[in-house]
């Protein structure tokens, strides 16, 4: 999941409004995923929140990269 977000993040223009938010989500994912397996309820909940944040970032990136319909 994080790899998909990173791949789409790298395709963003540097001046994209999604750039800082997506970068923060990716940095947080590196921090949380590098701690080893989640063995407590709190750590499992934190991982679940991270996954939700990654999905939200992926949704925003997908929406931003879709061509706008012609009117």
PDB file of N, CA and C in Angstrom:
ATOM      1  N   UNK A   1       0.821  -1.178   0.000  1.00  0.00           N
ATOM      2  CA  UNK A   1       0.000   0.000   0.000  1.00  0.00           C
ATOM      3  C   UNK A   1       0.876   1.256   0.000  1.00  0.00           C
ATOM      4  N   UNK A   2       1.823   1.306   0.903  1.00  0.00           N
ATOM      5  CA  UNK A   2       2.702   2.475   0.974  1.00  0.00           C
ATOM      6  C   UNK A   2       3.502   2.634  -0.321  1.00  0.00           C
ATOM      7  N   UNK A   3       3.868   1.527  -0.926  1.00  0.00           N
ATOM      8  CA  UNK A   3       4.619   1.596  -2.197  1.00  0.00           C
ATOM      9  C   UNK A   3       3.759   2.208  -3.296  1.00  0.00           C
ATOM     10  N   UNK A   4       2.473   1.869  -3.331  1.00  0.00           N
ATOM     11  CA  UNK A   4       1.572   2.464  -4.327  1.00  0.00           C
ATOM     12  C   UNK A   4       1.449   3.970  -4.120  1.00  0.00           C
ATOM     13  N   UNK A   5       1.299   4.378  -2.859  1.00  0.00           N
ATOM     14  CA  UNK A   5       1.200   5.809  -2.559  1.00  0.00           C
ATOM     15  C   UNK A   5       2.497   6.509  -2.949  1.00  0.00           C
ATOM     16  N   UNK A   6       3.634   5.903  -2.603  1.00  0.00           N
ATOM     17  CA  UNK A   6       4.931   6.520  -2.935  1.00  0.00           C
ATOM     18  C   UNK A   6       5.095   6.657  -4.445  1.00  0.00           C
ATOM     19  N   UNK A   7       4.708   5.641  -5.185  1.00  0.00           N
ATOM     20  CA  UNK A   7       4.826   5.684  -6.650  1.00  0.00           C
ATOM     21  C   UNK A   7       4.011   6.849  -7.216  1.00  0.00           C
ATOM     22  N   UNK A   8       2.788   7.012  -6.760  1.00  0.00           N
ATOM     23  CA  UNK A   8       1.944   8.109  -7.252  1.00  0.00           C
ATOM     24  C   UNK A   8       2.448   9.453  -6.744  1.00  0.00           C
ATOM     25  N   UNK A   9       2.978   9.486  -5.526  1.00  0.00           N
ATOM     26  CA  UNK A   9       3.547  10.712  -4.961  1.00  0.00           C
ATOM     27  C   UNK A   9       4.705  11.198  -5.828  1.00  0.00           C
ATOM     28  N   UNK A  10       5.546  10.281  -6.253  1.00  0.00           N
ATOM     29  CA  UNK A  10       6.705  10.655  -7.070  1.00  0.00           C
ATOM     30  C   UNK A  10       6.297  11.215  -8.429  1.00  0.00           C
ATOM     31  N   UNK A  11       5.093  10.882  -8.884  1.00  0.00           N
ATOM     32  CA  UNK A  11       4.610  11.404 -10.163  1.00  0.00           C
ATOM     33  C   UNK A  11       3.957  12.784 -10.022  1.00  0.00           C
ATOM     34  N   UNK A  12       3.749  13.229  -8.779  1.00  0.00           N
ATOM     35  CA  UNK A  12       3.129  14.543  -8.565  1.00  0.00           C
ATOM     36  C   UNK A  12       4.080  15.666  -8.964  1.00  0.00           C
ATOM     37  N   UNK A  13       3.533  16.752  -9.478  1.00  0.00           N
ATOM     38  CA  UNK A  13       4.384  17.934  -9.673  1.00  0.00           C
ATOM     39  C   UNK A  13       4.813  18.482  -8.308  1.00  0.00           C
ATOM     40  N   UNK A  14       5.979  19.056  -8.242  1.00  0.00           N
ATOM     41  CA  UNK A  14       6.512  19.559  -6.970  1.00  0.00           C
ATOM     42  C   UNK A  14       5.622  20.618  -6.338  1.00  0.00           C
ATOM     43  N   UNK A  15       4.858  21.350  -7.151  1.00  0.00           N
ATOM     44  CA  UNK A  15       4.013  22.416  -6.604  1.00  0.00           C
ATOM     45  C   UNK A  15       2.585  21.957  -6.309  1.00  0.00           C
ATOM     46  N   UNK A  16       2.337  20.654  -6.363  1.00  0.00           N
ATOM     47  CA  UNK A  16       0.996  20.124  -6.095  1.00  0.00           C
ATOM     48  C   UNK A  16       0.622  20.369  -4.639  1.00  0.00           C
ATOM     49  N   UNK A  17      -0.643  20.713  -4.410  1.00  0.00           N
ATOM     50  CA  UNK A  17      -1.106  20.925  -3.034  1.00  0.00           C
ATOM     51  C   UNK A  17      -1.131  19.613  -2.251  1.00  0.00           C
ATOM     52  N   UNK A  18      -1.128  18.482  -2.935  1.00  0.00           N
ATOM     53  CA  UNK A  18      -1.107  17.180  -2.264  1.00  0.00           C
ATOM     54  C   UNK A  18       0.293  16.769  -1.823  1.00  0.00           C
ATOM     55  N   UNK A  19       1.294  17.427  -2.332  1.00  0.00           N
ATOM     56  CA  UNK A  19       2.683  17.043  -2.069  1.00  0.00           C
ATOM     57  C   UNK A  19       3.020  17.019  -0.576  1.00  0.00           C
ATOM     58  N   UNK A  20       2.800  18.089   0.194  1.00  0.00           N
ATOM     59  CA  UNK A  20       3.201  18.067   1.608  1.00  0.00           C
ATOM     60  C   UNK A  20       2.417  17.058   2.450  1.00  0.00           C
ATOM     61  N   UNK A  21       1.124  16.948   2.206  1.00  0.00           N
ATOM     62  CA  UNK A  21       0.302  16.020   2.988  1.00  0.00           C
ATOM     63  C   UNK A  21       0.691  14.573   2.696  1.00  0.00           C
ATOM     64  N   UNK A  22       0.877  14.254   1.437  1.00  0.00           N
ATOM     65  CA  UNK A  22       1.244  12.894   1.061  1.00  0.00           C
ATOM     66  C   UNK A  22       2.636  12.556   1.589  1.00  0.00           C
ATOM     67  N   UNK A  23       3.535  13.507   1.539  1.00  0.00           N
ATOM     68  CA  UNK A  23       4.887  13.288   2.065  1.00  0.00           C
ATOM     69  C   UNK A  23       4.833  12.984   3.559  1.00  0.00           C
ATOM     70  N   UNK A  24       3.999  13.699   4.297  1.00  0.00           N
ATOM     71  CA  UNK A  24       3.868  13.463   5.736  1.00  0.00           C
ATOM     72  C   UNK A  24       3.314  12.068   6.020  1.00  0.00           C
ATOM     73  N   UNK A  25       2.328  11.648   5.255  1.00  0.00           N
ATOM     74  CA  UNK A  25       1.751  10.310   5.440  1.00  0.00           C
ATOM     75  C   UNK A  25       2.805   9.244   5.151  1.00  0.00           C
ATOM     76  N   UNK A  26       3.581   9.436   4.102  1.00  0.00           N
ATOM     77  CA  UNK A  26       4.620   8.463   3.768  1.00  0.00           C
ATOM     78  C   UNK A  26       5.714   8.408   4.835  1.00  0.00           C
ATOM     79  N   UNK A  27       6.118   9.559   5.348  1.00  0.00           N
ATOM     80  CA  UNK A  27       7.128   9.577   6.401  1.00  0.00           C
ATOM     81  C   UNK A  27       6.617   8.873   7.656  1.00  0.00           C
ATOM     82  N   UNK A  28       5.363   9.112   7.992  1.00  0.00           N
ATOM     83  CA  UNK A  28       4.772   8.456   9.155  1.00  0.00           C
ATOM     84  C   UNK A  28       4.700   6.949   8.944  1.00  0.00           C
ATOM     85  N   UNK A  29       4.407   6.529   7.721  1.00  0.00           N
ATOM     86  CA  UNK A  29       4.334   5.088   7.458  1.00  0.00           C
ATOM     87  C   UNK A  29       5.702   4.432   7.643  1.00  0.00           C
ATOM     88  N   UNK A  30       6.757   5.105   7.230  1.00  0.00           N
ATOM     89  CA  UNK A  30       8.106   4.563   7.433  1.00  0.00           C
ATOM     90  C   UNK A  30       8.384   4.425   8.921  1.00  0.00           C
ATOM     91  N   UNK A  31       8.035   5.448   9.709  1.00  0.00           N
ATOM     92  CA  UNK A  31       8.275   5.402  11.152  1.00  0.00           C
ATOM     93  C   UNK A  31       7.496   4.273  11.820  1.00  0.00           C
ATOM     94  N   UNK A  32       6.234   4.144  11.489  1.00  0.00           N
ATOM     95  CA  UNK A  32       5.402   3.141  12.163  1.00  0.00           C
ATOM     96  C   UNK A  32       5.692   1.727  11.697  1.00  0.00           C
ATOM     97  N   UNK A  33       5.975   1.549  10.431  1.00  0.00           N
ATOM     98  CA  UNK A  33       6.185   0.200   9.913  1.00  0.00           C
ATOM     99  C   UNK A  33       7.572  -0.341  10.246  1.00  0.00           C
ATOM    100  N   UNK A  34       8.480   0.524  10.639  1.00  0.00           N
ATOM    101  CA  UNK A  34       9.836   0.070  10.958  1.00  0.00           C
ATOM    102  C   UNK A  34       9.961  -0.425  12.400  1.00  0.00           C
ATOM    103  N   UNK A  35       8.875  -0.409  13.159  1.00  0.00           N
ATOM    104  CA  UNK A  35       8.951  -0.782  14.574  1.00  0.00           C
ATOM    105  C   UNK A  35       8.732  -2.258  14.834  1.00  0.00           C
ATOM    106  N   UNK A  36       8.519  -3.052  13.813  1.00  0.00           N
ATOM    107  CA  UNK A  36       8.302  -4.481  14.017  1.00  0.00           C
ATOM    108  C   UNK A  36       6.823  -4.788  14.153  1.00  0.00           C
ATOM    109  N   UNK A  37       6.515  -6.025  14.478  1.00  0.00           N
ATOM    110  CA  UNK A  37       5.109  -6.436  14.534  1.00  0.00           C
ATOM    111  C   UNK A  37       4.347  -5.723  15.650  1.00  0.00           C
ATOM    112  N   UNK A  38       3.090  -5.458  15.364  1.00  0.00           N
ATOM    113  CA  UNK A  38       2.207  -4.845  16.359  1.00  0.00           C
ATOM    114  C   UNK A  38       1.690  -5.946  17.278  1.00  0.00           C
ATOM    115  N   UNK A  39       1.992  -5.831  18.566  1.00  0.00           N
ATOM    116  CA  UNK A  39       1.628  -6.898  19.499  1.00  0.00           C
ATOM    117  C   UNK A  39       0.650  -6.450  20.571  1.00  0.00           C
ATOM    118  N   UNK A  40       0.352  -5.167  20.637  1.00  0.00           N
ATOM    119  CA  UNK A  40      -0.621  -4.682  21.613  1.00  0.00           C
ATOM    120  C   UNK A  40      -1.805  -4.079  20.872  1.00  0.00           C
ATOM    121  N   UNK A  41      -2.899  -3.947  21.582  1.00  0.00           N
ATOM    122  CA  UNK A  41      -4.095  -3.370  20.966  1.00  0.00           C
ATOM    123  C   UNK A  41      -3.804  -1.956  20.481  1.00  0.00           C
ATOM    124  N   UNK A  42      -3.105  -1.173  21.266  1.00  0.00           N
ATOM    125  CA  UNK A  42      -2.792   0.212  20.876  1.00  0.00           C
ATOM    126  C   UNK A  42      -1.961   0.248  19.600  1.00  0.00           C
ATOM    127  N   UNK A  43      -0.974  -0.627  19.490  1.00  0.00           N
ATOM    128  CA  UNK A  43      -0.139  -0.637  18.284  1.00  0.00           C
ATOM    129  C   UNK A  43      -0.918  -1.126  17.074  1.00  0.00           C
ATOM    130  N   UNK A  44      -1.811  -2.076  17.286  1.00  0.00           N
ATOM    131  CA  UNK A  44      -2.651  -2.553  16.182  1.00  0.00           C
ATOM    132  C   UNK A  44      -3.589  -1.442  15.723  1.00  0.00           C
ATOM    133  N   UNK A  45      -4.142  -0.694  16.667  1.00  0.00           N
ATOM    134  CA  UNK A  45      -5.009   0.434  16.309  1.00  0.00           C
ATOM    135  C   UNK A  45      -4.227   1.501  15.555  1.00  0.00           C
ATOM    136  N   UNK A  46      -3.005   1.766  15.978  1.00  0.00           N
ATOM    137  CA  UNK A  46      -2.169   2.749  15.271  1.00  0.00           C
ATOM    138  C   UNK A  46      -1.882   2.290  13.845  1.00  0.00           C
ATOM    139  N   UNK A  47      -1.621   1.006  13.673  1.00  0.00           N
ATOM    140  CA  UNK A  47      -1.397   0.485  12.325  1.00  0.00           C
ATOM    141  C   UNK A  47      -2.656   0.619  11.477  1.00  0.00           C
ATOM    142  N   UNK A  48      -3.809   0.352  12.073  1.00  0.00           N
ATOM    143  CA  UNK A  48      -5.075   0.483  11.342  1.00  0.00           C
ATOM    144  C   UNK A  48      -5.293   1.932  10.910  1.00  0.00           C
ATOM    145  N   UNK A  49      -4.984   2.887  11.790  1.00  0.00           N
ATOM    146  CA  UNK A  49      -5.115   4.305  11.429  1.00  0.00           C
ATOM    147  C   UNK A  49      -4.143   4.663  10.314  1.00  0.00           C
ATOM    148  N   UNK A  50      -2.954   4.097  10.355  1.00  0.00           N
ATOM    149  CA  UNK A  50      -1.980   4.341   9.293  1.00  0.00           C
ATOM    150  C   UNK A  50      -2.507   3.822   7.961  1.00  0.00           C
ATOM    151  N   UNK A  51      -3.078   2.648   7.958  1.00  0.00           N
ATOM    152  CA  UNK A  51      -3.630   2.083   6.728  1.00  0.00           C
ATOM    153  C   UNK A  51      -4.761   2.958   6.203  1.00  0.00           C
ATOM    154  N   UNK A  52      -5.604   3.454   7.095  1.00  0.00           N
ATOM    155  CA  UNK A  52      -6.673   4.366   6.669  1.00  0.00           C
ATOM    156  C   UNK A  52      -6.086   5.626   6.047  1.00  0.00           C
ATOM    157  N   UNK A  53      -5.039   6.178   6.653  1.00  0.00           N
ATOM    158  CA  UNK A  53      -4.402   7.387   6.115  1.00  0.00           C
ATOM    159  C   UNK A  53      -3.793   7.112   4.742  1.00  0.00           C
ATOM    160  N   UNK A  54      -3.192   5.939   4.574  1.00  0.00           N
ATOM    161  CA  UNK A  54      -2.624   5.590   3.274  1.00  0.00           C
ATOM    162  C   UNK A  54      -3.720   5.459   2.213  1.00  0.00           C
ATOM    163  N   UNK A  55      -4.840   4.838   2.569  1.00  0.00           N
ATOM    164  CA  UNK A  55      -5.954   4.739   1.615  1.00  0.00           C
ATOM    165  C   UNK A  55      -6.504   6.114   1.253  1.00  0.00           C
ATOM    166  N   UNK A  56      -6.633   7.010   2.246  1.00  0.00           N
ATOM    167  CA  UNK A  56      -7.115   8.371   1.955  1.00  0.00           C
ATOM    168  C   UNK A  56      -6.143   9.086   1.022  1.00  0.00           C
ATOM    169  N   UNK A  57      -4.850   8.943   1.282  1.00  0.00           N
ATOM    170  CA  UNK A  57      -3.842   9.575   0.418  1.00  0.00           C
ATOM    171  C   UNK A  57      -3.930   9.015  -0.995  1.00  0.00           C
ATOM    172  N   UNK A  58      -4.087   7.704  -1.099  1.00  0.00           N
ATOM    173  CA  UNK A  58      -4.198   7.083  -2.415  1.00  0.00           C
ATOM    174  C   UNK A  58      -5.443   7.572  -3.147  1.00  0.00           C
ATOM    175  N   UNK A  59      -6.553   7.697  -2.448  1.00  0.00           N
ATOM    176  CA  UNK A  59      -7.777   8.218  -3.064  1.00  0.00           C
ATOM    177  C   UNK A  59      -7.577   9.643  -3.567  1.00  0.00           C
ATOM    178  N   UNK A  60      -6.932  10.491  -2.756  1.00  0.00           N
ATOM    179  CA  UNK A  60      -6.689  11.879  -3.174  1.00  0.00           C
ATOM    180  C   UNK A  60      -5.771  11.931  -4.387  1.00  0.00           C
ATOM    181  N   UNK A  61      -4.737  11.096  -4.385  1.00  0.00           N
ATOM    182  CA  UNK A  61      -3.811  11.075  -5.513  1.00  0.00           C
ATOM    183  C   UNK A  61      -4.506  10.586  -6.777  1.00  0.00           C
ATOM    184  N   UNK A  62      -5.331   9.561  -6.644  1.00  0.00           N
ATOM    185  CA  UNK A  62      -6.075   9.064  -7.805  1.00  0.00           C
ATOM    186  C   UNK A  62      -6.997  10.147  -8.359  1.00  0.00           C
ATOM    187  N   UNK A  63      -7.690  10.832  -7.481  1.00  0.00           N
ATOM    188  CA  UNK A  63      -8.623  11.891  -7.920  1.00  0.00           C
ATOM    189  C   UNK A  63      -7.849  13.025  -8.607  1.00  0.00           C
ATOM    190  N   UNK A  64      -6.696  13.371  -8.094  1.00  0.00           N
ATOM    191  CA  UNK A  64      -5.910  14.465  -8.662  1.00  0.00           C
ATOM    192  C   UNK A  64      -5.332  14.092 -10.031  1.00  0.00           C
ATOM    193  N   UNK A  65      -5.102  12.824 -10.258  1.00  0.00           N
ATOM    194  CA  UNK A  65      -4.469  12.410 -11.504  1.00  0.00           C
ATOM    195  C   UNK A  65      -5.475  12.017 -12.582  1.00  0.00           C
ATOM    196  N   UNK A  66      -6.746  12.001 -12.228  1.00  0.00           N
ATOM    197  CA  UNK A  66      -7.776  11.727 -13.253  1.00  0.00           C
ATOM    198  C   UNK A  66      -7.948  12.968 -14.126  1.00  0.00           C
ATOM    199  N   UNK A  67      -8.099  12.787 -15.405  1.00  0.00           N
ATOM    200  CA  UNK A  67      -8.336  13.955 -16.259  1.00  0.00           C
ATOM    201  C   UNK A  67      -9.701  14.559 -15.949  1.00  0.00           C
ATOM    202  N   UNK A  68      -9.767  15.878 -15.985  1.00  0.00           N
ATOM    203  CA  UNK A  68     -11.034  16.548 -15.754  1.00  0.00           C
ATOM    204  C   UNK A  68     -11.903  16.436 -17.005  1.00  0.00           C
ATOM    205  N   UNK A  69     -13.198  16.142 -16.831  1.00  0.00           N
ATOM    206  CA  UNK A  69     -14.061  15.977 -18.001  1.00  0.00           C
ATOM    207  C   UNK A  69     -14.246  17.300 -18.743  1.00  0.00           C
ATOM    208  N   UNK A  70     -14.299  17.210 -20.035  1.00  0.00           N
ATOM    209  CA  UNK A  70     -14.513  18.395 -20.867  1.00  0.00           C
ATOM    210  C   UNK A  70     -15.988  18.811 -20.791  1.00  0.00           C
ATOM    211  N   UNK A  71     -16.206  20.078 -20.743  1.00  0.00           N
ATOM    212  CA  UNK A  71     -17.596  20.577 -20.689  1.00  0.00           C
ATOM    213  C   UNK A  71     -17.977  21.281 -21.960  1.00  0.00           C
TER     214      UNK A  71
END
